[in-house]
Amino acid sequence: MSGRTGRFLSELEASFDASLAREEEAAAGDLARSFRNDERLHSILTRTDATHLETEDGTLLPLVEVGTDYALAGLEGDVLVRIERALFTMGVRGRRPKGTELTWLIVVRDWAAEGRKVQVRALERSIEGFLSAAARDFLTVEGTHGSMFIPHAAIRYLRSCPED
C-alpha cells in the first residue's frame, strides 16, 4: 500500500508542478502583453535598429531621429513626419535612430526660424515655399502666390529643400 501511495503522491506532485508551470507561463505571457499594450510608438522606434519610414509610393527612408510625436527620415534627415500620420517598417539590422524629447512643434519652429524652403504634402497636394511661421495648430508657407496657412493635422510630411 505504501508503494501505491508513494506513486500516487509522486504523480499528484508532478501534476501539481506541471499545472503551476502552465499558470506561471500564462501569467508571464499576460504580463508581457500588458507591457506591449502600454508602450508608445516613439519608444519602440528608438529601441529598434534599422527602422524605416515608408513613403506613399512605398520607398523606405531610414529613420534618423525620433521625438515624442515626430520622426525625421531620409539620408539627410530632411523628411519630417508626425508619428501618428506615418507608417514604419523594420529592415535589416542597421543604425538605430537618435531619440530625443523634442516635439513636432519645436522642430517646425526651428525650421521656420531658419526660413527653410520646404515642400509640404497636405491633403493630397504638394505646397512649396518658405516656412515663415509655426503656430500652435498651423504653419505658414510663403509661396509664389502668397501665404498659405496649413493646419498641422492636414500635413502628411514636410521636406526640407535647402538646395532646390
N, C-alpha and C. Protein backbone atom coordinates (compact mmCIF):
# COMPACT_ATOMS: atom_id res chain seq x y z
N MET A 1 0.81 -1.19 0.00
CA MET A 1 0.00 0.00 0.00
C MET A 1 0.86 1.26 0.00
N SER A 2 1.95 1.23 0.71
CA SER A 2 2.79 2.41 0.77
C SER A 2 3.45 2.67 -0.58
N GLY A 3 3.73 1.60 -1.37
CA GLY A 3 4.29 1.77 -2.71
C GLY A 3 3.31 2.49 -3.62
N ARG A 4 2.02 2.07 -3.54
CA ARG A 4 1.00 2.73 -4.35
C ARG A 4 0.76 4.16 -3.88
N THR A 5 0.75 4.35 -2.60
CA THR A 5 0.53 5.69 -2.05
C THR A 5 1.67 6.61 -2.46
N GLY A 6 2.90 6.11 -2.38
CA GLY A 6 4.07 6.89 -2.78
C GLY A 6 4.00 7.27 -4.25
N ARG A 7 3.63 6.30 -5.11
CA ARG A 7 3.49 6.55 -6.54
C ARG A 7 2.38 7.58 -6.79
N PHE A 8 1.26 7.39 -6.09
CA PHE A 8 0.12 8.31 -6.23
C PHE A 8 0.54 9.73 -5.84
N LEU A 9 1.25 9.85 -4.72
CA LEU A 9 1.69 11.17 -4.27
C LEU A 9 2.70 11.77 -5.25
N SER A 10 3.57 10.96 -5.82
CA SER A 10 4.55 11.44 -6.82
C SER A 10 3.83 11.93 -8.07
N GLU A 11 2.83 11.17 -8.53
CA GLU A 11 2.07 11.58 -9.71
C GLU A 11 1.29 12.85 -9.42
N LEU A 12 0.71 12.95 -8.24
CA LEU A 12 -0.04 14.14 -7.84
C LEU A 12 0.89 15.35 -7.77
N GLU A 13 2.08 15.16 -7.23
CA GLU A 13 3.05 16.24 -7.14
C GLU A 13 3.49 16.68 -8.54
N ALA A 14 3.74 15.73 -9.43
CA ALA A 14 4.14 16.05 -10.81
C ALA A 14 3.02 16.80 -11.53
N SER A 15 1.78 16.37 -11.31
CA SER A 15 0.64 17.04 -11.92
C SER A 15 0.51 18.47 -11.39
N PHE A 16 0.70 18.62 -10.09
CA PHE A 16 0.62 19.95 -9.48
C PHE A 16 1.72 20.84 -10.02
N ASP A 17 2.97 20.33 -10.13
CA ASP A 17 4.09 21.11 -10.65
C ASP A 17 3.84 21.54 -12.10
N ALA A 18 3.30 20.63 -12.92
CA ALA A 18 3.01 20.95 -14.32
C ALA A 18 1.93 22.03 -14.40
N SER A 19 0.91 21.89 -13.57
CA SER A 19 -0.17 22.88 -13.54
C SER A 19 0.36 24.24 -13.11
N LEU A 20 1.21 24.27 -12.11
CA LEU A 20 1.81 25.51 -11.62
C LEU A 20 2.68 26.14 -12.71
N ALA A 21 3.44 25.33 -13.43
CA ALA A 21 4.30 25.84 -14.51
C ALA A 21 3.45 26.46 -15.62
N ARG A 22 2.32 25.81 -15.97
CA ARG A 22 1.42 26.36 -17.00
C ARG A 22 0.85 27.70 -16.56
N GLU A 23 0.45 27.79 -15.29
CA GLU A 23 -0.11 29.04 -14.77
C GLU A 23 0.93 30.15 -14.76
N GLU A 24 2.17 29.82 -14.38
CA GLU A 24 3.24 30.83 -14.38
C GLU A 24 3.55 31.29 -15.80
N GLU A 25 3.55 30.36 -16.75
CA GLU A 25 3.81 30.72 -18.14
C GLU A 25 2.70 31.63 -18.68
N ALA A 26 1.45 31.31 -18.35
CA ALA A 26 0.32 32.14 -18.78
C ALA A 26 0.41 33.52 -18.15
N ALA A 27 0.77 33.60 -16.88
CA ALA A 27 0.91 34.89 -16.20
C ALA A 27 2.03 35.72 -16.82
N ALA A 28 3.14 35.07 -17.17
CA ALA A 28 4.25 35.77 -17.81
C ALA A 28 3.82 36.31 -19.17
N GLY A 29 3.07 35.52 -19.92
CA GLY A 29 2.56 35.97 -21.22
C GLY A 29 1.61 37.15 -21.07
N ASP A 30 0.74 37.10 -20.07
CA ASP A 30 -0.18 38.21 -19.80
C ASP A 30 0.59 39.48 -19.44
N LEU A 31 1.63 39.33 -18.63
CA LEU A 31 2.44 40.48 -18.23
C LEU A 31 3.16 41.08 -19.44
N ALA A 32 3.72 40.24 -20.29
CA ALA A 32 4.41 40.73 -21.49
C ALA A 32 3.43 41.46 -22.41
N ARG A 33 2.23 40.90 -22.59
CA ARG A 33 1.21 41.55 -23.41
C ARG A 33 0.83 42.90 -22.81
N SER A 34 0.70 42.94 -21.51
CA SER A 34 0.36 44.18 -20.82
C SER A 34 1.42 45.25 -21.07
N PHE A 35 2.70 44.87 -20.97
CA PHE A 35 3.78 45.82 -21.23
C PHE A 35 3.72 46.31 -22.68
N ARG A 36 3.51 45.40 -23.64
CA ARG A 36 3.44 45.79 -25.05
C ARG A 36 2.26 46.73 -25.29
N ASN A 37 1.14 46.49 -24.62
CA ASN A 37 -0.04 47.33 -24.80
C ASN A 37 0.16 48.73 -24.25
N ASP A 38 1.07 48.90 -23.29
CA ASP A 38 1.31 50.21 -22.69
C ASP A 38 2.44 50.99 -23.37
N GLU A 39 3.15 50.38 -24.32
CA GLU A 39 4.27 51.05 -24.97
C GLU A 39 3.78 52.12 -25.92
N ARG A 40 4.61 53.14 -26.09
CA ARG A 40 4.34 54.19 -27.06
C ARG A 40 5.25 53.98 -28.26
N LEU A 41 4.75 54.36 -29.42
CA LEU A 41 5.48 54.12 -30.66
C LEU A 41 6.87 54.77 -30.65
N HIS A 42 6.97 56.00 -30.17
CA HIS A 42 8.28 56.66 -30.21
C HIS A 42 9.32 55.89 -29.41
N SER A 43 8.93 55.23 -28.30
CA SER A 43 9.93 54.47 -27.54
C SER A 43 10.32 53.19 -28.27
N ILE A 44 9.40 52.57 -28.97
CA ILE A 44 9.74 51.38 -29.75
C ILE A 44 10.68 51.75 -30.90
N LEU A 45 10.38 52.86 -31.59
CA LEU A 45 11.20 53.27 -32.72
C LEU A 45 12.63 53.61 -32.30
N THR A 46 12.82 54.15 -31.11
CA THR A 46 14.17 54.50 -30.67
C THR A 46 14.95 53.30 -30.15
N ARG A 47 14.26 52.19 -29.90
CA ARG A 47 14.93 50.97 -29.44
C ARG A 47 15.17 49.97 -30.55
N THR A 48 14.67 50.24 -31.73
CA THR A 48 14.71 49.27 -32.83
C THR A 48 15.74 49.68 -33.86
N ASP A 49 16.60 48.75 -34.22
CA ASP A 49 17.60 49.01 -35.25
C ASP A 49 16.94 49.00 -36.63
N ALA A 50 17.46 49.83 -37.52
CA ALA A 50 17.07 49.86 -38.94
C ALA A 50 15.57 49.99 -39.14
N THR A 51 14.99 50.96 -38.48
CA THR A 51 13.58 51.27 -38.70
C THR A 51 13.50 52.28 -39.84
N HIS A 52 12.50 52.13 -40.68
CA HIS A 52 12.34 53.00 -41.84
C HIS A 52 10.95 53.62 -41.87
N LEU A 53 10.89 54.81 -42.44
CA LEU A 53 9.62 55.45 -42.76
C LEU A 53 9.24 54.97 -44.15
N GLU A 54 8.00 54.55 -44.31
CA GLU A 54 7.53 54.13 -45.63
C GLU A 54 6.75 55.28 -46.24
N THR A 55 7.18 55.72 -47.41
CA THR A 55 6.52 56.84 -48.09
C THR A 55 5.27 56.35 -48.82
N GLU A 56 4.52 57.30 -49.37
CA GLU A 56 3.28 56.96 -50.08
C GLU A 56 3.51 56.03 -51.26
N ASP A 57 4.69 56.16 -51.90
CA ASP A 57 4.97 55.30 -53.06
C ASP A 57 5.71 54.01 -52.68
N GLY A 58 5.86 53.75 -51.36
CA GLY A 58 6.48 52.52 -50.90
C GLY A 58 7.98 52.59 -50.68
N THR A 59 8.58 53.75 -50.95
CA THR A 59 10.01 53.93 -50.71
C THR A 59 10.27 53.89 -49.21
N LEU A 60 11.37 53.24 -48.82
CA LEU A 60 11.75 53.18 -47.42
C LEU A 60 12.89 54.16 -47.16
N LEU A 61 12.65 55.10 -46.25
CA LEU A 61 13.66 56.06 -45.87
C LEU A 61 14.15 55.73 -44.46
N PRO A 62 15.47 55.70 -44.24
CA PRO A 62 15.96 55.37 -42.90
C PRO A 62 15.57 56.45 -41.89
N LEU A 63 15.18 56.02 -40.69
CA LEU A 63 14.88 56.98 -39.62
C LEU A 63 16.19 57.50 -39.07
N VAL A 64 16.24 58.80 -38.85
CA VAL A 64 17.42 59.45 -38.33
C VAL A 64 17.20 59.88 -36.88
N GLU A 65 16.01 60.41 -36.61
CA GLU A 65 15.71 60.94 -35.28
C GLU A 65 14.24 60.72 -34.98
N VAL A 66 13.96 60.42 -33.71
CA VAL A 66 12.58 60.22 -33.28
C VAL A 66 12.36 61.02 -32.01
N GLY A 67 11.35 61.90 -32.06
CA GLY A 67 10.97 62.67 -30.89
C GLY A 67 9.69 62.12 -30.31
N THR A 68 9.09 62.86 -29.42
CA THR A 68 7.90 62.35 -28.74
C THR A 68 6.71 62.19 -29.69
N ASP A 69 6.63 63.03 -30.74
CA ASP A 69 5.49 62.95 -31.65
C ASP A 69 5.88 63.12 -33.12
N TYR A 70 7.16 63.02 -33.43
CA TYR A 70 7.61 63.19 -34.81
C TYR A 70 8.76 62.24 -35.11
N ALA A 71 9.07 62.14 -36.40
CA ALA A 71 10.26 61.39 -36.84
C ALA A 71 10.90 62.15 -37.99
N LEU A 72 12.23 62.14 -38.02
CA LEU A 72 12.99 62.67 -39.15
C LEU A 72 13.56 61.48 -39.90
N ALA A 73 13.40 61.49 -41.22
CA ALA A 73 13.87 60.37 -42.02
C ALA A 73 14.59 60.88 -43.26
N GLY A 74 15.24 59.95 -43.96
CA GLY A 74 15.98 60.27 -45.17
C GLY A 74 17.46 60.34 -44.89
N LEU A 75 18.24 60.22 -45.93
CA LEU A 75 19.70 60.21 -45.77
C LEU A 75 20.20 61.52 -45.17
N GLU A 76 19.54 62.61 -45.48
CA GLU A 76 19.92 63.92 -44.94
C GLU A 76 19.05 64.33 -43.75
N GLY A 77 18.14 63.46 -43.34
CA GLY A 77 17.22 63.82 -42.26
C GLY A 77 16.33 64.98 -42.66
N ASP A 78 15.90 64.99 -43.93
CA ASP A 78 15.16 66.12 -44.47
C ASP A 78 13.66 65.91 -44.56
N VAL A 79 13.17 64.74 -44.16
CA VAL A 79 11.72 64.48 -44.20
C VAL A 79 11.21 64.40 -42.77
N LEU A 80 10.29 65.30 -42.45
CA LEU A 80 9.72 65.40 -41.11
C LEU A 80 8.27 64.93 -41.15
N VAL A 81 7.93 63.97 -40.29
CA VAL A 81 6.56 63.46 -40.23
C VAL A 81 6.08 63.44 -38.79
N ARG A 82 4.78 63.56 -38.64
CA ARG A 82 4.17 63.33 -37.33
C ARG A 82 4.01 61.82 -37.19
N ILE A 83 4.36 61.28 -36.07
CA ILE A 83 4.32 59.83 -35.88
C ILE A 83 2.94 59.26 -36.18
N GLU A 84 1.89 59.95 -35.77
CA GLU A 84 0.55 59.39 -35.95
C GLU A 84 0.07 59.42 -37.40
N ARG A 85 0.83 60.05 -38.30
CA ARG A 85 0.44 60.12 -39.70
C ARG A 85 1.40 59.37 -40.61
N ALA A 86 2.16 58.41 -40.05
CA ALA A 86 3.19 57.74 -40.83
C ALA A 86 3.15 56.24 -40.62
N LEU A 87 3.80 55.53 -41.54
CA LEU A 87 3.97 54.08 -41.43
C LEU A 87 5.45 53.79 -41.28
N PHE A 88 5.78 52.83 -40.41
CA PHE A 88 7.16 52.48 -40.15
C PHE A 88 7.35 50.99 -40.34
N THR A 89 8.50 50.60 -40.88
CA THR A 89 8.81 49.19 -41.04
C THR A 89 10.22 48.93 -40.52
N MET A 90 10.46 47.69 -40.17
CA MET A 90 11.80 47.29 -39.74
C MET A 90 12.51 46.66 -40.91
N GLY A 91 13.74 47.03 -41.10
CA GLY A 91 14.55 46.45 -42.16
C GLY A 91 15.61 45.56 -41.56
N VAL A 92 16.68 45.38 -42.31
CA VAL A 92 17.80 44.59 -41.79
C VAL A 92 18.48 45.40 -40.71
N ARG A 93 19.27 44.73 -39.89
CA ARG A 93 19.93 45.43 -38.79
C ARG A 93 20.76 46.59 -39.32
N GLY A 94 20.75 47.64 -38.61
CA GLY A 94 21.49 48.82 -39.02
C GLY A 94 21.55 49.82 -37.89
N ARG A 95 21.64 51.07 -38.24
CA ARG A 95 21.78 52.13 -37.25
C ARG A 95 20.45 52.45 -36.59
N ARG A 96 20.46 52.63 -35.31
CA ARG A 96 19.28 52.99 -34.53
C ARG A 96 19.09 54.50 -34.60
N PRO A 97 17.85 54.99 -34.78
CA PRO A 97 17.65 56.44 -34.82
C PRO A 97 17.92 57.08 -33.46
N LYS A 98 18.31 58.33 -33.51
CA LYS A 98 18.56 59.10 -32.29
C LYS A 98 17.21 59.40 -31.63
N GLY A 99 17.13 59.20 -30.33
CA GLY A 99 15.92 59.54 -29.59
C GLY A 99 16.07 60.91 -28.95
N THR A 100 15.01 61.66 -28.91
CA THR A 100 15.02 62.99 -28.32
C THR A 100 13.68 63.28 -27.67
N GLU A 101 13.65 64.22 -26.79
CA GLU A 101 12.40 64.64 -26.14
C GLU A 101 11.76 65.83 -26.84
N LEU A 102 12.34 66.25 -27.97
CA LEU A 102 11.76 67.36 -28.72
C LEU A 102 10.40 66.97 -29.28
N THR A 103 9.63 67.96 -29.67
CA THR A 103 8.31 67.73 -30.26
C THR A 103 8.28 68.26 -31.69
N TRP A 104 7.25 67.84 -32.41
CA TRP A 104 7.00 68.31 -33.79
C TRP A 104 7.03 69.83 -33.83
N LEU A 105 6.32 70.48 -32.93
CA LEU A 105 6.21 71.93 -32.95
C LEU A 105 7.56 72.60 -32.73
N ILE A 106 8.38 72.08 -31.86
CA ILE A 106 9.71 72.66 -31.63
C ILE A 106 10.56 72.55 -32.89
N VAL A 107 10.55 71.38 -33.54
CA VAL A 107 11.35 71.19 -34.75
C VAL A 107 10.84 72.11 -35.87
N VAL A 108 9.53 72.18 -36.05
CA VAL A 108 8.97 73.02 -37.12
C VAL A 108 9.26 74.50 -36.83
N ARG A 109 9.20 74.90 -35.58
CA ARG A 109 9.53 76.30 -35.24
C ARG A 109 11.00 76.60 -35.52
N ASP A 110 11.88 75.63 -35.28
CA ASP A 110 13.30 75.82 -35.62
C ASP A 110 13.46 76.01 -37.13
N TRP A 111 12.76 75.18 -37.91
CA TRP A 111 12.83 75.31 -39.36
C TRP A 111 12.28 76.67 -39.81
N ALA A 112 11.19 77.12 -39.19
CA ALA A 112 10.60 78.42 -39.55
C ALA A 112 11.56 79.56 -39.19
N ALA A 113 12.22 79.46 -38.05
CA ALA A 113 13.18 80.49 -37.65
C ALA A 113 14.33 80.58 -38.66
N GLU A 114 14.68 79.45 -39.27
CA GLU A 114 15.72 79.43 -40.29
C GLU A 114 15.19 79.88 -41.66
N GLY A 115 13.85 80.00 -41.78
CA GLY A 115 13.26 80.37 -43.07
C GLY A 115 13.48 79.32 -44.13
N ARG A 116 13.43 78.06 -43.73
CA ARG A 116 13.74 76.97 -44.67
C ARG A 116 12.76 76.91 -45.83
N LYS A 117 13.31 76.58 -46.98
CA LYS A 117 12.48 76.25 -48.12
C LYS A 117 11.98 74.84 -47.89
N VAL A 118 10.67 74.63 -48.03
CA VAL A 118 10.08 73.33 -47.75
C VAL A 118 9.09 72.92 -48.83
N GLN A 119 8.87 71.64 -48.86
CA GLN A 119 7.78 71.06 -49.64
C GLN A 119 6.87 70.42 -48.60
N VAL A 120 5.60 70.81 -48.62
CA VAL A 120 4.63 70.29 -47.66
C VAL A 120 3.64 69.42 -48.42
N ARG A 121 3.48 68.20 -47.96
CA ARG A 121 2.47 67.30 -48.54
C ARG A 121 1.28 67.33 -47.60
N ALA A 122 0.17 67.88 -48.11
CA ALA A 122 -1.04 68.01 -47.29
C ALA A 122 -2.28 67.84 -48.16
N LEU A 123 -3.22 67.06 -47.67
CA LEU A 123 -4.49 66.85 -48.36
C LEU A 123 -4.31 66.53 -49.84
N GLU A 124 -3.43 65.57 -50.10
CA GLU A 124 -3.19 65.04 -51.45
C GLU A 124 -2.63 66.08 -52.43
N ARG A 125 -2.01 67.13 -51.90
CA ARG A 125 -1.32 68.06 -52.79
C ARG A 125 0.00 68.46 -52.19
N SER A 126 0.84 69.03 -53.02
CA SER A 126 2.17 69.44 -52.60
C SER A 126 2.25 70.96 -52.66
N ILE A 127 2.73 71.57 -51.59
CA ILE A 127 2.87 73.02 -51.49
C ILE A 127 4.34 73.31 -51.25
N GLU A 128 4.91 74.22 -52.06
CA GLU A 128 6.31 74.58 -51.89
C GLU A 128 6.41 76.05 -51.55
N GLY A 129 7.41 76.35 -50.74
CA GLY A 129 7.66 77.75 -50.38
C GLY A 129 8.58 77.81 -49.19
N PHE A 130 8.61 78.98 -48.59
CA PHE A 130 9.46 79.19 -47.42
C PHE A 130 8.61 79.16 -46.16
N LEU A 131 9.05 78.38 -45.21
CA LEU A 131 8.34 78.24 -43.94
C LEU A 131 8.60 79.50 -43.13
N SER A 132 7.54 80.29 -42.91
CA SER A 132 7.74 81.57 -42.22
C SER A 132 7.24 81.56 -40.78
N ALA A 133 6.32 80.66 -40.45
CA ALA A 133 5.81 80.62 -39.07
C ALA A 133 5.28 79.23 -38.76
N ALA A 134 5.35 78.90 -37.47
CA ALA A 134 4.80 77.63 -36.99
C ALA A 134 4.01 77.95 -35.72
N ALA A 135 2.73 78.17 -35.92
CA ALA A 135 1.85 78.48 -34.80
C ALA A 135 1.45 77.18 -34.11
N ARG A 136 0.69 77.30 -33.07
CA ARG A 136 0.29 76.14 -32.27
C ARG A 136 -0.40 75.07 -33.11
N ASP A 137 -1.27 75.47 -34.06
CA ASP A 137 -2.01 74.44 -34.81
C ASP A 137 -1.91 74.58 -36.33
N PHE A 138 -1.04 75.45 -36.82
CA PHE A 138 -0.87 75.57 -38.28
C PHE A 138 0.51 76.13 -38.62
N LEU A 139 0.90 75.93 -39.90
CA LEU A 139 2.13 76.50 -40.45
C LEU A 139 1.76 77.59 -41.44
N THR A 140 2.68 78.52 -41.64
CA THR A 140 2.54 79.50 -42.71
C THR A 140 3.68 79.27 -43.69
N VAL A 141 3.31 79.04 -44.95
CA VAL A 141 4.29 78.83 -46.01
C VAL A 141 4.11 79.95 -47.02
N GLU A 142 5.20 80.65 -47.29
CA GLU A 142 5.19 81.74 -48.25
C GLU A 142 5.59 81.19 -49.61
N GLY A 143 4.66 81.23 -50.56
CA GLY A 143 4.92 80.72 -51.90
C GLY A 143 4.80 81.81 -52.93
N THR A 144 4.84 81.42 -54.19
CA THR A 144 4.76 82.40 -55.27
C THR A 144 3.40 83.09 -55.33
N HIS A 145 2.37 82.45 -54.77
CA HIS A 145 1.02 83.03 -54.80
C HIS A 145 0.61 83.58 -53.44
N GLY A 146 1.56 83.89 -52.59
CA GLY A 146 1.27 84.47 -51.29
C GLY A 146 1.38 83.45 -50.17
N SER A 147 0.79 83.79 -49.04
CA SER A 147 0.87 82.95 -47.84
C SER A 147 -0.19 81.87 -47.86
N MET A 148 0.19 80.70 -47.40
CA MET A 148 -0.77 79.61 -47.24
C MET A 148 -0.68 79.15 -45.80
N PHE A 149 -1.86 78.98 -45.18
CA PHE A 149 -1.95 78.50 -43.81
C PHE A 149 -2.35 77.03 -43.85
N ILE A 150 -1.52 76.18 -43.26
CA ILE A 150 -1.73 74.74 -43.35
C ILE A 150 -1.84 74.17 -41.94
N PRO A 151 -3.02 73.63 -41.58
CA PRO A 151 -3.16 73.02 -40.25
C PRO A 151 -2.20 71.84 -40.09
N HIS A 152 -1.61 71.72 -38.91
CA HIS A 152 -0.70 70.60 -38.65
C HIS A 152 -1.37 69.26 -38.94
N ALA A 153 -2.64 69.14 -38.57
CA ALA A 153 -3.35 67.87 -38.74
C ALA A 153 -3.50 67.47 -40.21
N ALA A 154 -3.41 68.42 -41.13
CA ALA A 154 -3.56 68.13 -42.56
C ALA A 154 -2.25 67.68 -43.20
N ILE A 155 -1.14 67.85 -42.49
CA ILE A 155 0.18 67.61 -43.08
C ILE A 155 0.55 66.13 -43.05
N ARG A 156 0.89 65.60 -44.21
CA ARG A 156 1.40 64.22 -44.30
C ARG A 156 2.89 64.22 -43.99
N TYR A 157 3.64 65.17 -44.59
CA TYR A 157 5.06 65.32 -44.28
C TYR A 157 5.55 66.69 -44.71
N LEU A 158 6.69 67.08 -44.16
CA LEU A 158 7.43 68.27 -44.60
C LEU A 158 8.78 67.78 -45.09
N ARG A 159 9.22 68.34 -46.20
CA ARG A 159 10.56 68.00 -46.68
C ARG A 159 11.35 69.29 -46.80
N SER A 160 12.51 69.32 -46.17
CA SER A 160 13.40 70.46 -46.26
C SER A 160 14.08 70.43 -47.62
N CYS A 161 14.06 71.56 -48.32
CA CYS A 161 14.62 71.62 -49.68
C CYS A 161 15.68 72.72 -49.74
N PRO A 162 16.79 72.57 -49.03
CA PRO A 162 17.76 73.68 -48.95
C PRO A 162 18.42 74.03 -50.28
N GLU A 163 18.59 73.10 -51.19
CA GLU A 163 19.32 73.35 -52.42
C GLU A 163 18.46 73.32 -53.67
N ASP A 164 17.13 73.25 -53.52
CA ASP A 164 16.26 73.20 -54.70
C ASP A 164 16.25 74.51 -55.43
